[in-house]
PDB file of N, CA and C in Angstrom:
ATOM      1  N   UNK A   1     -46.940 -23.714  50.287  1.00  0.00           N
ATOM      2  CA  UNK A   1     -46.986 -24.228  51.633  1.00  0.00           C
ATOM      3  C   UNK A   1     -47.987 -25.368  51.746  1.00  0.00           C
ATOM      4  N   UNK A   2     -49.144 -25.208  51.114  1.00  0.00           N
ATOM      5  CA  UNK A   2     -50.145 -26.277  51.163  1.00  0.00           C
ATOM      6  C   UNK A   2     -49.633 -27.545  50.494  1.00  0.00           C
ATOM      7  N   UNK A   3     -48.992 -27.393  49.348  1.00  0.00           N
ATOM      8  CA  UNK A   3     -48.451 -28.550  48.625  1.00  0.00           C
ATOM      9  C   UNK A   3     -47.350 -29.211  49.450  1.00  0.00           C
ATOM     10  N   UNK A   4     -46.503 -28.410  50.062  1.00  0.00           N
ATOM     11  CA  UNK A   4     -45.430 -28.965  50.878  1.00  0.00           C
ATOM     12  C   UNK A   4     -45.997 -29.700  52.089  1.00  0.00           C
ATOM     13  N   UNK A   5     -47.034 -29.137  52.711  1.00  0.00           N
ATOM     14  CA  UNK A   5     -47.680 -29.803  53.845  1.00  0.00           C
ATOM     15  C   UNK A   5     -48.255 -31.146  53.418  1.00  0.00           C
ATOM     16  N   UNK A   6     -48.879 -31.190  52.248  1.00  0.00           N
ATOM     17  CA  UNK A   6     -49.407 -32.462  51.742  1.00  0.00           C
ATOM     18  C   UNK A   6     -48.271 -33.450  51.507  1.00  0.00           C
ATOM     19  N   UNK A   7     -47.187 -32.981  50.917  1.00  0.00           N
ATOM     20  CA  UNK A   7     -46.032 -33.834  50.652  1.00  0.00           C
ATOM     21  C   UNK A   7     -45.483 -34.431  51.952  1.00  0.00           C
ATOM     22  N   UNK A   8     -45.464 -33.620  53.003  1.00  0.00           N
ATOM     23  CA  UNK A   8     -44.947 -34.070  54.305  1.00  0.00           C
ATOM     24  C   UNK A   8     -45.996 -34.812  55.128  1.00  0.00           C
ATOM     25  N   UNK A   9     -47.220 -34.881  54.587  1.00  0.00           N
ATOM     26  CA  UNK A   9     -48.341 -35.537  55.274  1.00  0.00           C
ATOM     27  C   UNK A   9     -48.608 -34.903  56.640  1.00  0.00           C
ATOM     28  N   UNK A  10     -48.631 -33.562  56.639  1.00  0.00           N
ATOM     29  CA  UNK A  10     -48.964 -32.832  57.853  1.00  0.00           C
ATOM     30  C   UNK A  10     -50.017 -31.777  57.516  1.00  0.00           C
ATOM     31  N   UNK A  11     -50.620 -31.209  58.529  1.00  0.00           N
ATOM     32  CA  UNK A  11     -51.704 -30.253  58.316  1.00  0.00           C
ATOM     33  C   UNK A  11     -51.223 -28.890  57.837  1.00  0.00           C
ATOM     34  N   UNK A  12     -50.085 -28.447  58.325  1.00  0.00           N
ATOM     35  CA  UNK A  12     -49.634 -27.089  58.041  1.00  0.00           C
ATOM     36  C   UNK A  12     -48.145 -27.059  57.717  1.00  0.00           C
ATOM     37  N   UNK A  13     -47.746 -26.064  56.951  1.00  0.00           N
ATOM     38  CA  UNK A  13     -46.335 -25.793  56.669  1.00  0.00           C
ATOM     39  C   UNK A  13     -46.175 -24.290  56.504  1.00  0.00           C
ATOM     40  N   UNK A  14     -45.026 -23.790  56.894  1.00  0.00           N
ATOM     41  CA  UNK A  14     -44.747 -22.363  56.774  1.00  0.00           C
ATOM     42  C   UNK A  14     -43.419 -22.200  56.051  1.00  0.00           C
ATOM     43  N   UNK A  15     -43.448 -21.480  54.960  1.00  0.00           N
ATOM     44  CA  UNK A  15     -42.217 -21.183  54.236  1.00  0.00           C
ATOM     45  C   UNK A  15     -41.542 -19.966  54.842  1.00  0.00           C
ATOM     46  N   UNK A  16     -40.254 -20.063  55.072  1.00  0.00           N
ATOM     47  CA  UNK A  16     -39.504 -18.965  55.669  1.00  0.00           C
ATOM     48  C   UNK A  16     -38.328 -18.596  54.783  1.00  0.00           C
ATOM     49  N   UNK A  17     -37.813 -17.405  54.983  1.00  0.00           N
ATOM     50  CA  UNK A  17     -36.751 -16.903  54.127  1.00  0.00           C
ATOM     51  C   UNK A  17     -35.343 -17.251  54.563  1.00  0.00           C
ATOM     52  N   UNK A  18     -35.190 -17.759  55.806  1.00  0.00           N
ATOM     53  CA  UNK A  18     -33.837 -18.048  56.284  1.00  0.00           C
ATOM     54  C   UNK A  18     -33.890 -19.012  57.459  1.00  0.00           C
ATOM     55  N   UNK A  19     -32.733 -19.556  57.769  1.00  0.00           N
ATOM     56  CA  UNK A  19     -32.606 -20.405  58.946  1.00  0.00           C
ATOM     57  C   UNK A  19     -32.805 -19.617  60.230  1.00  0.00           C
ATOM     58  N   UNK A  20     -32.401 -18.350  60.212  1.00  0.00           N
ATOM     59  CA  UNK A  20     -32.610 -17.485  61.379  1.00  0.00           C
ATOM     60  C   UNK A  20     -34.095 -17.378  61.692  1.00  0.00           C
ATOM     61  N   UNK A  21     -34.894 -17.155  60.662  1.00  0.00           N
ATOM     62  CA  UNK A  21     -36.344 -17.086  60.860  1.00  0.00           C
ATOM     63  C   UNK A  21     -36.892 -18.409  61.373  1.00  0.00           C
ATOM     64  N   UNK A  22     -36.354 -19.514  60.885  1.00  0.00           N
ATOM     65  CA  UNK A  22     -36.817 -20.832  61.320  1.00  0.00           C
ATOM     66  C   UNK A  22     -36.521 -21.053  62.802  1.00  0.00           C
ATOM     67  N   UNK A  23     -35.317 -20.698  63.241  1.00  0.00           N
ATOM     68  CA  UNK A  23     -34.965 -20.847  64.655  1.00  0.00           C
ATOM     69  C   UNK A  23     -35.821 -19.909  65.497  1.00  0.00           C
ATOM     70  N   UNK A  24     -35.989 -18.673  65.047  1.00  0.00           N
ATOM     71  CA  UNK A  24     -36.818 -17.697  65.766  1.00  0.00           C
ATOM     72  C   UNK A  24     -38.248 -18.216  65.928  1.00  0.00           C
ATOM     73  N   UNK A  25     -38.834 -18.727  64.849  1.00  0.00           N
ATOM     74  CA  UNK A  25     -40.202 -19.239  64.906  1.00  0.00           C
ATOM     75  C   UNK A  25     -40.300 -20.441  65.837  1.00  0.00           C
ATOM     76  N   UNK A  26     -39.307 -21.314  65.816  1.00  0.00           N
ATOM     77  CA  UNK A  26     -39.297 -22.471  66.716  1.00  0.00           C
ATOM     78  C   UNK A  26     -39.237 -22.021  68.178  1.00  0.00           C
ATOM     79  N   UNK A  27     -38.427 -21.013  68.467  1.00  0.00           N
ATOM     80  CA  UNK A  27     -38.340 -20.490  69.831  1.00  0.00           C
ATOM     81  C   UNK A  27     -39.663 -19.877  70.269  1.00  0.00           C
ATOM     82  N   UNK A  28     -40.288 -19.106  69.387  1.00  0.00           N
ATOM     83  CA  UNK A  28     -41.597 -18.516  69.689  1.00  0.00           C
ATOM     84  C   UNK A  28     -42.619 -19.623  69.954  1.00  0.00           C
ATOM     85  N   UNK A  29     -42.605 -20.661  69.129  1.00  0.00           N
ATOM     86  CA  UNK A  29     -43.541 -21.781  69.292  1.00  0.00           C
ATOM     87  C   UNK A  29     -43.334 -22.495  70.626  1.00  0.00           C
ATOM     88  N   UNK A  30     -42.101 -22.465  71.127  1.00  0.00           N
ATOM     89  CA  UNK A  30     -41.791 -23.088  72.421  1.00  0.00           C
ATOM     90  C   UNK A  30     -42.094 -22.157  73.595  1.00  0.00           C
ATOM     91  N   UNK A  31     -42.547 -20.952  73.302  1.00  0.00           N
ATOM     92  CA  UNK A  31     -42.912 -20.016  74.356  1.00  0.00           C
ATOM     93  C   UNK A  31     -41.767 -19.184  74.900  1.00  0.00           C
ATOM     94  N   UNK A  32     -40.652 -19.141  74.190  1.00  0.00           N
ATOM     95  CA  UNK A  32     -39.506 -18.339  74.635  1.00  0.00           C
ATOM     96  C   UNK A  32     -39.817 -16.863  74.430  1.00  0.00           C
ATOM     97  N   UNK A  33     -39.529 -16.056  75.446  1.00  0.00           N
ATOM     98  CA  UNK A  33     -39.828 -14.631  75.344  1.00  0.00           C
ATOM     99  C   UNK A  33     -38.951 -13.799  76.254  1.00  0.00           C
ATOM    100  N   UNK A  34     -39.312 -12.528  76.435  1.00  0.00           N
ATOM    101  CA  UNK A  34     -38.526 -11.613  77.257  1.00  0.00           C
ATOM    102  C   UNK A  34     -38.292 -12.166  78.665  1.00  0.00           C
ATOM    103  N   UNK A  35     -37.054 -12.026  79.124  1.00  0.00           N
ATOM    104  CA  UNK A  35     -36.697 -12.498  80.455  1.00  0.00           C
ATOM    105  C   UNK A  35     -36.194 -13.931  80.490  1.00  0.00           C
ATOM    106  N   UNK A  36     -36.426 -14.680  79.421  1.00  0.00           N
ATOM    107  CA  UNK A  36     -35.949 -16.064  79.364  1.00  0.00           C
ATOM    108  C   UNK A  36     -34.474 -16.105  79.007  1.00  0.00           C
ATOM    109  N   UNK A  37     -33.846 -17.203  79.346  1.00  0.00           N
ATOM    110  CA  UNK A  37     -32.470 -17.472  78.947  1.00  0.00           C
ATOM    111  C   UNK A  37     -32.472 -18.739  78.106  1.00  0.00           C
ATOM    112  N   UNK A  38     -31.746 -18.716  77.022  1.00  0.00           N
ATOM    113  CA  UNK A  38     -31.643 -19.884  76.146  1.00  0.00           C
ATOM    114  C   UNK A  38     -30.170 -20.251  76.044  1.00  0.00           C
ATOM    115  N   UNK A  39     -29.871 -21.485  76.387  1.00  0.00           N
ATOM    116  CA  UNK A  39     -28.483 -21.942  76.376  1.00  0.00           C
ATOM    117  C   UNK A  39     -28.109 -22.428  74.982  1.00  0.00           C
ATOM    118  N   UNK A  40     -26.949 -21.991  74.536  1.00  0.00           N
ATOM    119  CA  UNK A  40     -26.411 -22.409  73.249  1.00  0.00           C
ATOM    120  C   UNK A  40     -24.889 -22.462  73.357  1.00  0.00           C
ATOM    121  N   UNK A  41     -24.271 -22.962  72.339  1.00  0.00           N
ATOM    122  CA  UNK A  41     -22.802 -23.011  72.326  1.00  0.00           C
ATOM    123  C   UNK A  41     -22.267 -21.799  71.566  1.00  0.00           C
ATOM    124  N   UNK A  42     -21.072 -21.326  71.925  1.00  0.00           N
ATOM    125  CA  UNK A  42     -20.503 -20.197  71.196  1.00  0.00           C
ATOM    126  C   UNK A  42     -19.952 -20.600  69.832  1.00  0.00           C
ATOM    127  N   UNK A  43     -19.742 -21.882  69.627  1.00  0.00           N
ATOM    128  CA  UNK A  43     -19.178 -22.371  68.374  1.00  0.00           C
ATOM    129  C   UNK A  43     -20.322 -22.717  67.410  1.00  0.00           C
ATOM    130  N   UNK A  44     -21.011 -21.682  66.956  1.00  0.00           N
ATOM    131  CA  UNK A  44     -22.154 -21.832  66.061  1.00  0.00           C
ATOM    132  C   UNK A  44     -22.257 -20.571  65.212  1.00  0.00           C
ATOM    133  N   UNK A  45     -23.145 -20.589  64.244  1.00  0.00           N
ATOM    134  CA  UNK A  45     -23.371 -19.401  63.431  1.00  0.00           C
ATOM    135  C   UNK A  45     -24.061 -18.339  64.276  1.00  0.00           C
ATOM    136  N   UNK A  46     -23.761 -17.076  64.027  1.00  0.00           N
ATOM    137  CA  UNK A  46     -24.303 -15.983  64.839  1.00  0.00           C
ATOM    138  C   UNK A  46     -25.827 -15.910  64.825  1.00  0.00           C
ATOM    139  N   UNK A  47     -26.455 -16.511  63.832  1.00  0.00           N
ATOM    140  CA  UNK A  47     -27.915 -16.466  63.735  1.00  0.00           C
ATOM    141  C   UNK A  47     -28.590 -17.152  64.916  1.00  0.00           C
ATOM    142  N   UNK A  48     -27.915 -18.092  65.545  1.00  0.00           N
ATOM    143  CA  UNK A  48     -28.495 -18.757  66.714  1.00  0.00           C
ATOM    144  C   UNK A  48     -28.740 -17.741  67.819  1.00  0.00           C
ATOM    145  N   UNK A  49     -27.721 -16.977  68.175  1.00  0.00           N
ATOM    146  CA  UNK A  49     -27.869 -15.955  69.214  1.00  0.00           C
ATOM    147  C   UNK A  49     -28.805 -14.842  68.757  1.00  0.00           C
ATOM    148  N   UNK A  50     -28.775 -14.528  67.478  1.00  0.00           N
ATOM    149  CA  UNK A  50     -29.665 -13.499  66.927  1.00  0.00           C
ATOM    150  C   UNK A  50     -31.126 -13.880  67.117  1.00  0.00           C
ATOM    151  N   UNK A  51     -31.463 -15.109  66.783  1.00  0.00           N
ATOM    152  CA  UNK A  51     -32.848 -15.569  66.903  1.00  0.00           C
ATOM    153  C   UNK A  51     -33.302 -15.544  68.356  1.00  0.00           C
ATOM    154  N   UNK A  52     -32.413 -15.924  69.262  1.00  0.00           N
ATOM    155  CA  UNK A  52     -32.736 -15.872  70.695  1.00  0.00           C
ATOM    156  C   UNK A  52     -33.011 -14.428  71.103  1.00  0.00           C
ATOM    157  N   UNK A  53     -32.173 -13.513  70.670  1.00  0.00           N
ATOM    158  CA  UNK A  53     -32.345 -12.092  70.997  1.00  0.00           C
ATOM    159  C   UNK A  53     -33.616 -11.517  70.391  1.00  0.00           C
ATOM    160  N   UNK A  54     -33.977 -11.949  69.177  1.00  0.00           N
ATOM    161  CA  UNK A  54     -35.209 -11.477  68.535  1.00  0.00           C
ATOM    162  C   UNK A  54     -36.431 -11.778  69.396  1.00  0.00           C
ATOM    163  N   UNK A  55     -36.372 -12.842  70.180  1.00  0.00           N
ATOM    164  CA  UNK A  55     -37.491 -13.212  71.055  1.00  0.00           C
ATOM    165  C   UNK A  55     -37.525 -12.368  72.322  1.00  0.00           C
ATOM    166  N   UNK A  56     -36.475 -11.594  72.540  1.00  0.00           N
ATOM    167  CA  UNK A  56     -36.364 -10.833  73.774  1.00  0.00           C
ATOM    168  C   UNK A  56     -35.666 -11.621  74.866  1.00  0.00           C
ATOM    169  N   UNK A  57     -35.201 -12.811  74.531  1.00  0.00           N
ATOM    170  CA  UNK A  57     -34.508 -13.656  75.499  1.00  0.00           C
ATOM    171  C   UNK A  57     -33.007 -13.368  75.465  1.00  0.00           C
ATOM    172  N   UNK A  58     -32.302 -13.938  76.420  1.00  0.00           N
ATOM    173  CA  UNK A  58     -30.856 -13.731  76.528  1.00  0.00           C
ATOM    174  C   UNK A  58     -30.137 -15.022  76.149  1.00  0.00           C
ATOM    175  N   UNK A  59     -29.230 -14.961  75.178  1.00  0.00           N
ATOM    176  CA  UNK A  59     -28.427 -16.150  74.891  1.00  0.00           C
ATOM    177  C   UNK A  59     -27.383 -16.358  75.993  1.00  0.00           C
ATOM    178  N   UNK A  60     -27.288 -17.576  76.461  1.00  0.00           N
ATOM    179  CA  UNK A  60     -26.289 -17.945  77.461  1.00  0.00           C
ATOM    180  C   UNK A  60     -25.368 -18.959  76.800  1.00  0.00           C
ATOM    181  N   UNK A  61     -24.094 -18.629  76.748  1.00  0.00           N
ATOM    182  CA  UNK A  61     -23.150 -19.488  76.042  1.00  0.00           C
ATOM    183  C   UNK A  61     -22.491 -20.477  76.995  1.00  0.00           C
ATOM    184  N   UNK A  62     -22.565 -21.744  76.614  1.00  0.00           N
ATOM    185  CA  UNK A  62     -21.907 -22.820  77.351  1.00  0.00           C
ATOM    186  C   UNK A  62     -20.887 -23.434  76.408  1.00  0.00           C
ATOM    187  N   UNK A  63     -19.662 -23.533  76.877  1.00  0.00           N
ATOM    188  CA  UNK A  63     -18.574 -23.997  76.023  1.00  0.00           C
ATOM    189  C   UNK A  63     -18.755 -25.455  75.601  1.00  0.00           C
ATOM    190  N   UNK A  64     -17.990 -25.833  74.607  1.00  0.00           N
ATOM    191  CA  UNK A  64     -18.055 -27.201  74.089  1.00  0.00           C
ATOM    192  C   UNK A  64     -16.983 -28.066  74.748  1.00  0.00           C
ATOM    193  N   UNK A  65     -17.248 -29.352  74.772  1.00  0.00           N
ATOM    194  CA  UNK A  65     -16.288 -30.333  75.255  1.00  0.00           C
ATOM    195  C   UNK A  65     -15.214 -30.500  74.187  1.00  0.00           C
ATOM    196  N   UNK A  66     -13.966 -30.387  74.570  1.00  0.00           N
ATOM    197  CA  UNK A  66     -12.881 -30.438  73.577  1.00  0.00           C
ATOM    198  C   UNK A  66     -12.708 -31.815  72.946  1.00  0.00           C
ATOM    199  N   UNK A  67     -13.265 -32.848  73.555  1.00  0.00           N
ATOM    200  CA  UNK A  67     -13.163 -34.187  72.959  1.00  0.00           C
ATOM    201  C   UNK A  67     -14.297 -34.475  71.982  1.00  0.00           C
ATOM    202  N   UNK A  68     -15.498 -33.995  72.303  1.00  0.00           N
ATOM    203  CA  UNK A  68     -16.672 -34.340  71.489  1.00  0.00           C
ATOM    204  C   UNK A  68     -17.157 -33.198  70.605  1.00  0.00           C
ATOM    205  N   UNK A  69     -16.731 -31.986  70.915  1.00  0.00           N
ATOM    206  CA  UNK A  69     -17.195 -30.783  70.200  1.00  0.00           C
ATOM    207  C   UNK A  69     -18.703 -30.574  70.324  1.00  0.00           C
ATOM    208  N   UNK A  70     -19.285 -31.130  71.374  1.00  0.00           N
ATOM    209  CA  UNK A  70     -20.684 -30.876  71.698  1.00  0.00           C
ATOM    210  C   UNK A  70     -20.718 -30.118  73.024  1.00  0.00           C
ATOM    211  N   UNK A  71     -21.890 -29.672  73.420  1.00  0.00           N
ATOM    212  CA  UNK A  71     -22.008 -28.892  74.641  1.00  0.00           C
ATOM    213  C   UNK A  71     -21.462 -29.668  75.835  1.00  0.00           C
ATOM    214  N   UNK A  72     -20.668 -29.003  76.650  1.00  0.00           N
ATOM    215  CA  UNK A  72     -20.085 -29.608  77.840  1.00  0.00           C
ATOM    216  C   UNK A  72     -21.176 -29.783  78.899  1.00  0.00           C
ATOM    217  N   UNK A  73     -21.478 -31.023  79.254  1.00  0.00           N
ATOM    218  CA  UNK A  73     -22.577 -31.317  80.174  1.00  0.00           C
ATOM    219  C   UNK A  73     -22.338 -30.723  81.560  1.00  0.00           C
ATOM    220  N   UNK A  74     -21.113 -30.731  82.020  1.00  0.00           N
ATOM    221  CA  UNK A  74     -20.808 -30.159  83.332  1.00  0.00           C
ATOM    222  C   UNK A  74     -21.026 -28.652  83.321  1.00  0.00           C
ATOM    223  N   UNK A  75     -20.554 -27.997  82.286  1.00  0.00           N
ATOM    224  CA  UNK A  75     -20.759 -26.550  82.161  1.00  0.00           C
ATOM    225  C   UNK A  75     -22.241 -26.224  82.006  1.00  0.00           C
ATOM    226  N   UNK A  76     -22.971 -27.077  81.311  1.00  0.00           N
ATOM    227  CA  UNK A  76     -24.412 -26.868  81.136  1.00  0.00           C
ATOM    228  C   UNK A  76     -25.120 -26.869  82.483  1.00  0.00           C
ATOM    229  N   UNK A  77     -24.810 -27.836  83.330  1.00  0.00           N
ATOM    230  CA  UNK A  77     -25.498 -27.909  84.618  1.00  0.00           C
ATOM    231  C   UNK A  77     -25.247 -26.658  85.454  1.00  0.00           C
ATOM    232  N   UNK A  78     -24.080 -26.043  85.305  1.00  0.00           N
ATOM    233  CA  UNK A  78     -23.783 -24.813  86.028  1.00  0.00           C
ATOM    234  C   UNK A  78     -24.464 -23.583  85.452  1.00  0.00           C
ATOM    235  N   UNK A  79     -24.944 -23.676  84.224  1.00  0.00           N
ATOM    236  CA  UNK A  79     -25.579 -22.525  83.562  1.00  0.00           C
ATOM    237  C   UNK A  79     -27.095 -22.504  83.727  1.00  0.00           C
ATOM    238  N   UNK A  80     -27.670 -23.578  84.227  1.00  0.00           N
ATOM    239  CA  UNK A  80     -29.126 -23.651  84.372  1.00  0.00           C
ATOM    240  C   UNK A  80     -29.611 -22.749  85.499  1.00  0.00           C
ATOM    241  N   UNK A  81     -30.651 -21.981  85.211  1.00  0.00           N
ATOM    242  CA  UNK A  81     -31.285 -21.129  86.218  1.00  0.00           C
ATOM    243  C   UNK A  81     -32.795 -21.303  86.097  1.00  0.00           C
ATOM    244  N   UNK A  82     -33.527 -20.589  86.907  1.00  0.00           N
ATOM    245  CA  UNK A  82     -34.993 -20.654  86.824  1.00  0.00           C
ATOM    246  C   UNK A  82     -35.523 -20.011  85.540  1.00  0.00           C
ATOM    247  N   UNK A  83     -34.676 -19.278  84.823  1.00  0.00           N
ATOM    248  CA  UNK A  83     -35.116 -18.610  83.590  1.00  0.00           C
ATOM    249  C   UNK A  83     -34.753 -19.377  82.323  1.00  0.00           C
ATOM    250  N   UNK A  84     -34.018 -20.507  82.461  1.00  0.00           N
ATOM    251  CA  UNK A  84     -33.648 -21.284  81.270  1.00  0.00           C
ATOM    252  C   UNK A  84     -34.698 -22.328  80.976  1.00  0.00           C
TER     253      UNK A  84
END
C-alpha cells in the first residue's frame, strides 16, 4: 500500500479484495449510512446494491434511458428525496 501510494503520488492507499469492498468503502467515506437512500441503476452488477446495503442504506433503482443506456434523468428527479 505504501509503495502504491508513492507510485500514485498520494499520501495513502488501501488495498481491497474486491470491487464490492471498494464501492462500500467509497460510500462509507461519503458518509452513507443507515436510513440513507442511494440511487443506482438496475442494469449493473449486484455488488452495487450489495455495497449500498452493507452501509445500512437502501438502494433505490432508477431505470436507464433506452437511447443512451445511462440513468434516465427524468426518472432520477422523481426518485430524489430528503434521504438521497
